[in-house]
Amino acid sequence: MALSNSHIALTCALATLSSPALAQDDQAPPQDLAEVEVNPASSVEDGAVRSLKTTVEAADHSTSVISDDMSPNPHGNGWSFKPIGRLQFDAGHIDVPTSTGRNHGFGAGTRRARLGASGDIPGGFDYKIEFDFTAGEATVFDANLSYAVGDVEILVGQFNTFQGLEELTSSLHTSFIERAAFTDVLPFERRVGVGAVYQSGDVLLQAGIFTDNMIDLPNKNRSVDARAVFMPKLGDAQLHLGGSVHYNRLEDGATLHYRQRPGVHFSSDRFIDTGALAADGELGLGLEAAVISGPFHVSAETFWQTVDMTTAPNDPTFFGGSIEAGYFLTKGDRRGYKNGTFDRVLPANPVGEGGIGSVQVNVRYDRLDMNDAGIIGGIQDGYAASIVWKPTDYTMLLANYGHLEYTDAAFPAAGGDRQYNVDTFAVRAQIDF
């Protein structure tokens, strides 16, 4: 970000000075410099002194664009800049029946590599822009402006549509390598649109009108999403109850394709696969619930997706859902929660401050049923366990085991058998800022 003219002039003026006494004050705030009395007998040249005094007086009436901690500066001139980013690297092993002909064994890859910035701009607006570099080239992930009036916030640009609890929880704060299967198989994604968020007390309401993801535009797809959450505190416990609705109207000739990997992203095989479905639209309904009490948490979600088929006599309704529970083994730690989603875990005793960080164990059951109305996309029952170690607020190591049981899998095994199991083990190293 460009510096103001007063900052540049101040730097030049200081560079011309030769007095050691003045040089010692070059780290002082502008208002302190303005109060320095210059001795006429000083060896500093009069021209340099006048330049310094003039520049400091100008700087005294300006304000830094960026605060010392790189966070938005409420006393600034309306601009602020905060760099944001994350890096997640996964590696592991997948065990698949050999007769399916699918890849198995060791796998590894960068799961997410993002870099961006957020902050304020004049007029009371907030901005966020973030790029993803995972595929080897920069693609726009988030790009939006927001404006808050009282309890209402308006968003314009590309951002996540208003789906369920786990989908809206940042990938930095999930308790497993991947989210529940239904959040991946269904078209939950960031889209370009306009949204409104109302939050007051224990109530959160979100709604928006969207087109499509920026990378898929232009097209005539459009969608409407809405979500409502009730999130009261019951003593020390945080309660979360919510529901969401999603309607997507597709342009003429469009198709939908639902498919899913086996719980790890370094596998390119999709054992759940409906094939391309000629459709006019889709309607989704979701329910979500969670409780955080001390070191313990439990959460559950369900989602039903009905496809408005173009020519088929019946419209299929697909189902996905999950339930998970977790517990911190380290004293004083609990799962974070903020604004209707799970939030960052802040270890009570981080590494570097006399502790070992936080250690959390989790278990999950995950179901995906993509068979209905003559569509055979497969059924997946997943059982997973994980252990999450956070040495500090912004670092994490995670290990994840998954056992997946398939019915009507996309790839046949020996003798045409489509009912078999797949096992996965994966680890993740993560850092963000």
Protein backbone atom coordinates (compact mmCIF):
# COMPACT_ATOMS: atom_id res chain seq x y z
CA MET A 1 0.00 0.00 0.00
CA ALA A 2 1.34 3.44 -0.91
CA LEU A 3 2.50 5.71 1.91
CA SER A 4 1.19 9.29 2.24
CA ASN A 5 3.22 12.27 0.99
CA SER A 6 3.79 13.42 4.58
CA HIS A 7 5.43 10.10 5.49
CA ILE A 8 7.75 10.31 2.45
CA ALA A 9 8.69 13.90 3.23
CA LEU A 10 9.39 13.06 6.86
CA THR A 11 11.72 10.27 5.82
CA CYS A 12 13.66 12.53 3.47
CA ALA A 13 13.98 15.25 6.10
CA LEU A 14 15.32 12.85 8.72
CA ALA A 15 17.85 11.50 6.24
CA THR A 16 19.41 14.99 5.85
CA LEU A 17 20.02 15.47 9.55
CA SER A 18 23.43 14.89 11.10
CA SER A 19 22.70 15.65 14.78
CA PRO A 20 22.99 12.54 17.00
CA ALA A 21 20.51 14.07 19.45
CA LEU A 22 17.81 14.31 16.82
CA ALA A 23 18.68 10.92 15.39
CA GLN A 24 17.81 9.32 18.73
CA ASP A 25 14.23 10.57 18.40
CA ASP A 26 13.54 8.98 15.01
CA GLN A 27 11.39 6.27 16.61
CA ALA A 28 9.19 8.72 18.54
CA PRO A 29 5.60 9.43 17.47
CA PRO A 30 5.09 12.56 15.33
CA GLN A 31 3.52 14.51 18.19
CA ASP A 32 6.68 13.99 20.28
CA LEU A 33 8.93 15.14 17.47
CA ALA A 34 6.88 18.28 17.08
CA GLU A 35 7.66 19.27 20.67
CA VAL A 36 11.47 19.03 20.30
CA GLU A 37 13.17 22.41 20.82
CA VAL A 38 16.04 23.00 18.42
CA ASN A 39 19.10 24.83 19.77
CA PRO A 40 20.08 27.67 17.39
CA ALA A 41 23.70 26.82 18.15
CA SER A 42 23.16 23.27 16.92
CA SER A 43 25.33 21.99 14.12
CA VAL A 44 22.19 21.11 12.19
CA GLU A 45 21.67 23.39 9.22
CA ASP A 46 18.76 25.86 9.46
CA GLY A 47 17.22 24.60 6.22
CA ALA A 48 17.08 21.03 7.49
CA VAL A 49 15.51 22.18 10.77
CA ARG A 50 12.82 24.13 8.98
CA SER A 51 12.16 21.14 6.74
CA LEU A 52 11.85 18.84 9.74
CA LYS A 53 9.50 21.17 11.64
CA THR A 54 7.28 21.70 8.60
CA THR A 55 7.10 17.99 7.83
CA VAL A 56 6.37 17.03 11.43
CA GLU A 57 3.56 19.57 11.68
CA ALA A 58 1.98 18.03 8.59
CA ALA A 59 2.50 14.51 9.87
CA ASP A 60 0.92 15.48 13.18
CA HIS A 61 -2.38 16.03 11.36
CA SER A 62 -2.24 12.74 9.43
CA THR A 63 -2.71 9.21 10.67
CA SER A 64 -1.02 5.93 9.82
CA VAL A 65 -2.76 3.76 7.25
CA ILE A 66 -1.83 0.61 9.17
CA SER A 67 -1.83 0.14 12.91
CA ASP A 68 1.21 -1.32 14.67
CA ASP A 69 -0.30 -4.81 14.83
CA MET A 70 -1.43 -4.70 11.19
CA SER A 71 -5.08 -4.71 12.29
CA PRO A 72 -7.79 -2.20 11.34
CA ASN A 73 -7.10 1.16 12.96
CA PRO A 74 -10.31 2.77 14.26
CA HIS A 75 -8.57 6.13 14.64
CA GLY A 76 -7.19 6.18 11.10
CA ASN A 77 -8.30 8.00 7.99
CA GLY A 78 -10.68 5.22 6.97
CA TRP A 79 -8.16 2.80 5.47
CA SER A 80 -6.71 -0.32 7.09
CA PHE A 81 -4.94 -3.42 5.83
CA LYS A 82 -4.55 -6.82 7.45
CA PRO A 83 -2.82 -9.66 5.57
CA ILE A 84 -4.48 -13.07 5.87
CA GLY A 85 -3.39 -16.50 4.69
CA ARG A 86 -3.31 -20.22 5.35
CA LEU A 87 -1.32 -23.25 4.29
CA GLN A 88 -2.51 -26.83 4.79
CA PHE A 89 -0.51 -29.88 3.68
CA ASP A 90 -2.00 -33.38 3.82
CA ALA A 91 -0.41 -36.82 3.51
CA GLY A 92 -1.64 -40.33 4.18
CA HIS A 93 -2.61 -43.77 2.96
CA ILE A 94 -5.74 -45.18 1.34
CA ASP A 95 -6.65 -48.88 1.26
CA VAL A 96 -9.00 -49.83 -1.59
CA PRO A 97 -9.92 -53.33 -2.87
CA THR A 98 -7.31 -54.06 -5.53
CA SER A 99 -9.86 -55.51 -7.92
CA THR A 100 -11.53 -52.10 -8.31
CA GLY A 101 -8.48 -50.86 -10.21
CA ARG A 102 -8.47 -47.67 -8.17
CA ASN A 103 -5.34 -45.96 -6.91
CA HIS A 104 -4.35 -46.90 -3.37
CA GLY A 105 -1.37 -46.56 -1.07
CA PHE A 106 0.44 -43.35 -0.17
CA GLY A 107 -0.85 -39.94 -1.22
CA ALA A 108 0.04 -36.34 -0.41
CA GLY A 109 -0.69 -32.83 -1.55
CA THR A 110 -1.33 -29.21 -0.64
CA ARG A 111 -4.93 -28.98 0.50
CA ARG A 112 -5.18 -25.20 0.70
CA ALA A 113 -2.77 -22.35 -0.01
CA ARG A 114 -4.41 -18.95 0.29
CA LEU A 115 -3.26 -15.37 0.58
CA GLY A 116 -5.27 -12.20 0.85
CA ALA A 117 -6.15 -9.13 2.89
CA SER A 118 -9.03 -7.64 4.81
CA GLY A 119 -9.70 -4.29 6.41
CA ASP A 120 -11.61 -1.01 6.26
CA ILE A 121 -12.04 1.59 3.55
CA PRO A 122 -13.42 5.15 3.83
CA GLY A 123 -17.15 5.45 4.34
CA GLY A 124 -17.45 2.70 6.92
CA PHE A 125 -17.04 -0.23 4.51
CA ASP A 126 -15.15 -3.45 5.19
CA TYR A 127 -13.44 -5.45 2.47
CA LYS A 128 -12.01 -8.93 2.05
CA ILE A 129 -10.12 -10.39 -0.89
CA GLU A 130 -8.41 -13.77 -0.87
CA PHE A 131 -6.76 -15.85 -3.59
CA ASP A 132 -6.25 -19.62 -3.66
CA PHE A 133 -3.02 -20.99 -5.15
CA THR A 134 -3.63 -24.72 -4.56
CA ALA A 135 -4.03 -25.57 -8.26
CA GLY A 136 -0.78 -23.82 -9.20
CA GLU A 137 -2.45 -20.60 -10.33
CA ALA A 138 -4.24 -17.80 -8.53
CA THR A 139 -8.03 -18.04 -8.42
CA VAL A 140 -10.35 -15.67 -6.58
CA PHE A 141 -11.73 -17.27 -3.42
CA ASP A 142 -13.35 -14.37 -1.55
CA ALA A 143 -13.88 -10.87 -2.94
CA ASN A 144 -16.49 -8.77 -1.18
CA LEU A 145 -17.48 -5.52 0.46
CA SER A 146 -19.66 -5.24 3.56
CA TYR A 147 -21.40 -2.41 5.37
CA ALA A 148 -22.96 -2.58 8.84
CA VAL A 149 -25.93 -0.53 10.02
CA GLY A 150 -26.94 -1.32 13.57
CA ASP A 151 -27.64 -5.05 13.82
CA VAL A 152 -27.68 -5.53 10.03
CA GLU A 153 -24.71 -6.17 7.74
CA ILE A 154 -24.97 -6.00 3.93
CA LEU A 155 -22.51 -7.98 1.78
CA VAL A 156 -21.82 -7.63 -1.95
CA GLY A 157 -19.40 -9.71 -4.02
CA GLN A 158 -18.26 -13.33 -3.82
CA PHE A 159 -18.72 -15.06 -0.48
CA ASN A 160 -20.03 -18.32 0.96
CA THR A 161 -23.74 -18.87 0.59
CA PHE A 162 -25.70 -19.41 3.79
CA GLN A 163 -25.63 -23.17 4.37
CA GLY A 164 -25.14 -25.22 7.52
CA LEU A 165 -22.91 -25.09 10.58
CA GLU A 166 -19.99 -27.16 9.31
CA GLU A 167 -19.98 -25.66 5.81
CA LEU A 168 -19.80 -22.12 7.20
CA THR A 169 -17.17 -23.02 9.80
CA SER A 170 -13.74 -22.11 8.46
CA SER A 171 -11.55 -25.00 7.29
CA LEU A 172 -9.06 -23.73 9.89
CA HIS A 173 -11.39 -24.74 12.71
CA THR A 174 -12.85 -28.11 11.66
CA SER A 175 -12.21 -31.18 13.81
CA PHE A 176 -11.49 -33.61 10.94
CA ILE A 177 -9.35 -33.55 7.79
CA GLU A 178 -12.48 -33.05 5.67
CA ARG A 179 -15.97 -31.83 6.45
CA ALA A 180 -18.96 -34.19 6.46
CA ALA A 181 -19.50 -35.82 3.06
CA PHE A 182 -22.78 -34.06 2.20
CA THR A 183 -21.13 -30.63 2.35
CA ASP A 184 -18.77 -31.71 -0.45
CA VAL A 185 -21.09 -33.74 -2.65
CA LEU A 186 -23.70 -30.98 -2.79
CA PRO A 187 -22.89 -27.69 -4.56
CA PHE A 188 -22.08 -25.66 -1.46
CA GLU A 189 -19.69 -23.01 -2.76
CA ARG A 190 -18.87 -19.34 -2.84
CA ARG A 191 -20.97 -17.37 -5.31
CA VAL A 192 -21.32 -13.81 -6.52
CA GLY A 193 -24.33 -12.07 -5.05
CA VAL A 194 -25.76 -9.80 -2.38
CA GLY A 195 -26.63 -10.88 1.15
CA ALA A 196 -27.89 -9.53 4.45
CA VAL A 197 -27.08 -10.68 7.99
CA TYR A 198 -29.10 -9.73 11.07
CA GLN A 199 -27.71 -10.58 14.49
CA SER A 200 -29.12 -9.46 17.81
CA GLY A 201 -28.70 -11.28 21.09
CA ASP A 202 -29.21 -15.01 20.55
CA VAL A 203 -30.75 -14.69 17.08
CA LEU A 204 -28.93 -14.84 13.74
CA LEU A 205 -30.69 -14.47 10.36
CA GLN A 206 -28.88 -14.71 7.01
CA ALA A 207 -30.24 -14.47 3.46
CA GLY A 208 -28.93 -13.74 0.00
CA ILE A 209 -29.49 -13.82 -3.75
CA PHE A 210 -26.67 -15.26 -5.85
CA THR A 211 -25.55 -16.05 -9.37
CA ASP A 212 -22.63 -18.52 -9.59
CA ASN A 213 -18.99 -18.84 -8.60
CA MET A 214 -16.86 -16.21 -10.29
CA ILE A 215 -14.85 -18.81 -12.20
CA ASP A 216 -18.06 -20.26 -13.75
CA LEU A 217 -19.55 -16.95 -14.92
CA PRO A 218 -21.09 -15.83 -17.18
CA ASN A 219 -24.21 -17.99 -17.04
CA LYS A 220 -27.85 -17.63 -16.10
CA ASN A 221 -27.83 -19.72 -12.93
CA ARG A 222 -29.28 -17.99 -9.88
CA SER A 223 -29.99 -19.07 -6.34
CA VAL A 224 -31.60 -17.95 -3.08
CA ASP A 225 -30.18 -19.04 0.30
CA ALA A 226 -31.38 -18.38 3.84
CA ARG A 227 -30.40 -19.55 7.32
CA ALA A 228 -31.72 -18.97 10.84
CA VAL A 229 -29.86 -19.75 14.07
CA PHE A 230 -30.82 -19.61 17.74
CA MET A 231 -27.66 -19.61 19.89
CA PRO A 232 -28.35 -19.06 23.60
CA LYS A 233 -25.94 -19.57 26.49
CA LEU A 234 -27.12 -21.96 29.19
CA GLY A 235 -24.76 -21.28 32.05
CA ASP A 236 -21.33 -22.29 30.80
CA ALA A 237 -22.79 -24.19 27.84
CA GLN A 238 -23.22 -22.80 24.32
CA LEU A 239 -26.32 -24.07 22.51
CA HIS A 240 -26.79 -23.91 18.74
CA LEU A 241 -30.02 -24.68 16.83
CA GLY A 242 -30.48 -23.78 13.19
CA GLY A 243 -31.99 -24.46 9.81
CA SER A 244 -31.29 -23.45 6.21
CA VAL A 245 -32.94 -23.47 2.80
CA HIS A 246 -31.30 -23.40 -0.63
CA TYR A 247 -32.97 -22.97 -4.03
CA ASN A 248 -30.93 -22.98 -7.22
CA ARG A 249 -32.50 -22.27 -10.62
CA LEU A 250 -30.34 -23.45 -13.53
CA GLU A 251 -30.06 -22.08 -17.04
CA ASP A 252 -31.56 -24.07 -19.91
CA GLY A 253 -29.60 -27.18 -20.82
CA ALA A 254 -27.70 -27.29 -17.51
CA THR A 255 -26.81 -30.49 -15.67
CA LEU A 256 -26.00 -31.39 -12.07
CA HIS A 257 -23.33 -33.91 -11.11
CA TYR A 258 -23.00 -35.14 -7.51
CA ARG A 259 -19.86 -37.10 -6.58
CA GLN A 260 -17.61 -37.57 -3.57
CA ARG A 261 -14.08 -38.65 -2.61
CA PRO A 262 -13.46 -41.20 0.19
CA GLY A 263 -12.85 -38.73 3.01
CA VAL A 264 -9.43 -37.47 1.85
CA HIS A 265 -8.66 -34.95 -0.84
CA PHE A 266 -5.42 -36.50 -2.11
CA SER A 267 -7.51 -39.25 -3.72
CA SER A 268 -9.04 -38.33 -7.08
CA ASP A 269 -11.43 -41.33 -7.09
CA ARG A 270 -15.11 -40.68 -6.43
CA PHE A 271 -16.83 -43.79 -5.10
CA ILE A 272 -20.11 -41.87 -4.89
CA ASP A 273 -21.22 -40.66 -8.34
CA THR A 274 -24.70 -39.93 -9.75
CA GLY A 275 -23.46 -39.08 -13.22
CA ALA A 276 -24.71 -35.98 -15.02
CA LEU A 277 -28.38 -35.20 -14.33
CA ALA A 278 -30.34 -32.97 -16.70
CA ALA A 279 -32.10 -30.59 -14.31
CA ASP A 280 -33.96 -27.30 -14.10
CA GLY A 281 -33.04 -26.66 -10.46
CA GLU A 282 -32.55 -28.00 -6.95
CA LEU A 283 -34.08 -27.37 -3.55
CA GLY A 284 -32.23 -28.11 -0.31
CA LEU A 285 -33.35 -28.09 3.34
CA GLY A 286 -30.99 -28.45 6.29
CA LEU A 287 -31.15 -28.78 10.07
CA GLU A 288 -28.25 -28.27 12.50
CA ALA A 289 -27.65 -28.50 16.23
CA ALA A 290 -24.66 -28.31 18.56
CA VAL A 291 -23.69 -27.99 22.22
CA ILE A 292 -20.35 -26.88 23.67
CA SER A 293 -19.92 -27.49 27.38
CA GLY A 294 -16.47 -27.11 28.88
CA PRO A 295 -14.07 -29.48 27.08
CA PHE A 296 -16.93 -31.41 25.42
CA HIS A 297 -18.83 -30.70 22.23
CA VAL A 298 -21.39 -32.54 20.12
CA SER A 299 -22.92 -31.48 16.80
CA ALA A 300 -25.30 -32.97 14.26
CA GLU A 301 -26.57 -31.96 10.83
CA THR A 302 -28.94 -33.30 8.17
CA PHE A 303 -29.62 -32.12 4.65
CA TRP A 304 -32.16 -33.14 2.00
CA GLN A 305 -31.62 -32.13 -1.63
CA THR A 306 -34.42 -32.53 -4.20
CA VAL A 307 -33.50 -32.24 -7.89
CA ASP A 308 -36.05 -30.81 -10.34
CA MET A 309 -35.36 -33.16 -13.25
CA THR A 310 -35.89 -31.89 -16.79
CA THR A 311 -37.36 -35.04 -18.37
CA ALA A 312 -37.42 -37.83 -15.74
CA PRO A 313 -40.90 -38.69 -14.39
CA ASN A 314 -39.80 -38.49 -10.73
CA ASP A 315 -37.57 -36.04 -8.89
CA PRO A 316 -34.96 -37.68 -6.63
CA THR A 317 -34.32 -36.51 -3.06
CA PHE A 318 -30.81 -37.19 -1.80
CA PHE A 319 -29.82 -37.24 1.87
CA GLY A 320 -26.71 -36.45 3.86
CA GLY A 321 -26.04 -36.13 7.55
CA SER A 322 -23.46 -36.47 10.29
CA ILE A 323 -23.05 -36.51 14.04
CA GLU A 324 -19.79 -35.93 15.90
CA ALA A 325 -18.52 -35.57 19.45
CA GLY A 326 -15.22 -34.32 20.80
CA TYR A 327 -13.34 -33.83 24.06
CA PHE A 328 -10.24 -31.85 25.05
CA LEU A 329 -7.67 -33.82 27.02
CA THR A 330 -5.87 -30.63 28.08
CA LYS A 331 -7.12 -28.60 31.01
CA GLY A 332 -8.90 -25.31 30.34
CA ASP A 333 -9.46 -25.84 26.61
CA ARG A 334 -12.78 -25.80 24.76
CA ARG A 335 -14.03 -25.47 21.22
CA GLY A 336 -14.43 -21.92 19.97
CA TYR A 337 -17.78 -20.53 18.82
CA LYS A 338 -18.69 -17.19 17.28
CA ASN A 339 -21.53 -15.76 15.19
CA GLY A 340 -23.25 -19.05 14.46
CA THR A 341 -20.18 -21.14 13.58
CA PHE A 342 -17.38 -22.98 15.32
CA ASP A 343 -14.38 -20.69 15.81
CA ARG A 344 -10.68 -20.82 16.61
CA VAL A 345 -9.44 -22.92 19.52
CA LEU A 346 -7.15 -20.83 21.73
CA PRO A 347 -4.95 -23.16 23.82
CA ALA A 348 -5.03 -22.24 27.50
CA ASN A 349 -1.36 -23.23 27.86
CA PRO A 350 0.37 -22.87 24.49
CA VAL A 351 3.84 -24.04 23.58
CA GLY A 352 6.33 -21.30 24.40
CA GLU A 353 4.42 -20.26 27.50
CA GLY A 354 5.06 -23.31 29.67
CA GLY A 355 2.40 -25.60 28.16
CA ILE A 356 1.93 -28.17 25.41
CA GLY A 357 -0.99 -26.51 23.64
CA SER A 358 -4.42 -28.11 23.29
CA VAL A 359 -5.14 -31.77 22.50
CA GLN A 360 -8.58 -32.80 21.30
CA VAL A 361 -10.03 -36.21 20.33
CA ASN A 362 -13.12 -36.59 18.11
CA VAL A 363 -15.37 -39.28 16.65
CA ARG A 364 -17.91 -38.96 13.83
CA TYR A 365 -20.55 -40.93 11.96
CA ASP A 366 -21.30 -39.67 8.46
CA ARG A 367 -23.98 -40.91 6.03
CA LEU A 368 -24.57 -40.10 2.37
CA ASP A 369 -27.46 -41.61 0.38
CA MET A 370 -27.51 -40.72 -3.31
CA ASN A 371 -29.97 -43.44 -4.38
CA ASP A 372 -33.51 -42.35 -5.20
CA ALA A 373 -36.09 -42.23 -8.00
CA GLY A 374 -34.09 -44.52 -10.25
CA ILE A 375 -30.80 -42.66 -9.71
CA ILE A 376 -28.06 -44.95 -8.35
CA GLY A 377 -25.32 -42.69 -7.04
CA GLY A 378 -24.32 -44.92 -4.13
CA ILE A 379 -24.56 -44.98 -0.35
CA GLN A 380 -21.66 -44.20 1.96
CA ASP A 381 -21.53 -44.86 5.70
CA GLY A 382 -18.42 -43.31 7.21
CA TYR A 383 -16.87 -43.78 10.63
CA ALA A 384 -14.00 -41.48 11.61
CA ALA A 385 -11.76 -40.65 14.54
CA SER A 386 -9.28 -37.80 14.86
CA ILE A 387 -6.79 -36.25 17.24
CA VAL A 388 -6.01 -32.54 16.95
CA TRP A 389 -2.98 -30.90 18.50
CA LYS A 390 -2.73 -27.11 18.51
CA PRO A 391 0.66 -26.02 19.88
CA THR A 392 -0.34 -22.36 19.48
CA ASP A 393 -3.32 -20.32 18.31
CA TYR A 394 -2.20 -20.37 14.67
CA THR A 395 -0.58 -23.79 14.22
CA MET A 396 -2.16 -27.24 14.10
CA LEU A 397 -1.28 -30.89 13.54
CA LEU A 398 -4.14 -33.31 12.90
CA ALA A 399 -4.35 -37.10 12.43
CA ASN A 400 -7.48 -38.69 11.00
CA TYR A 401 -8.62 -42.31 10.46
CA GLY A 402 -11.67 -43.12 8.35
CA HIS A 403 -13.54 -46.34 7.62
CA LEU A 404 -16.07 -46.09 4.77
CA GLU A 405 -18.66 -48.71 3.88
CA TYR A 406 -20.10 -48.49 0.36
CA THR A 407 -23.25 -49.80 -1.24
CA ASP A 408 -23.69 -49.35 -5.00
CA ALA A 409 -20.19 -47.86 -5.29
CA ALA A 410 -19.25 -46.25 -8.60
CA PHE A 411 -16.38 -48.73 -9.21
CA PRO A 412 -17.11 -52.47 -9.25
CA ALA A 413 -14.80 -54.93 -7.52
CA ALA A 414 -14.22 -58.53 -8.59
CA GLY A 415 -17.35 -60.22 -9.88
CA GLY A 416 -19.11 -56.87 -10.23
CA ASP A 417 -19.42 -56.40 -6.46
CA ARG A 418 -20.21 -52.79 -5.59
CA GLN A 419 -20.47 -53.29 -1.86
CA TYR A 420 -17.10 -53.05 -0.10
CA ASN A 421 -15.04 -50.99 2.35
CA VAL A 422 -12.35 -48.33 1.98
CA ASP A 423 -9.97 -47.28 4.79
CA THR A 424 -8.01 -44.05 4.99
CA PHE A 425 -5.41 -42.52 7.29
CA ALA A 426 -4.24 -38.95 6.88
CA VAL A 427 -2.28 -36.26 8.71
CA ARG A 428 -2.32 -32.49 8.24
CA ALA A 429 0.11 -29.71 9.07
CA GLN A 430 -1.48 -26.26 9.18
CA ILE A 431 -0.43 -22.67 9.74
CA ASP A 432 -2.38 -19.46 9.25
CA PHE A 433 -2.21 -15.75 9.97
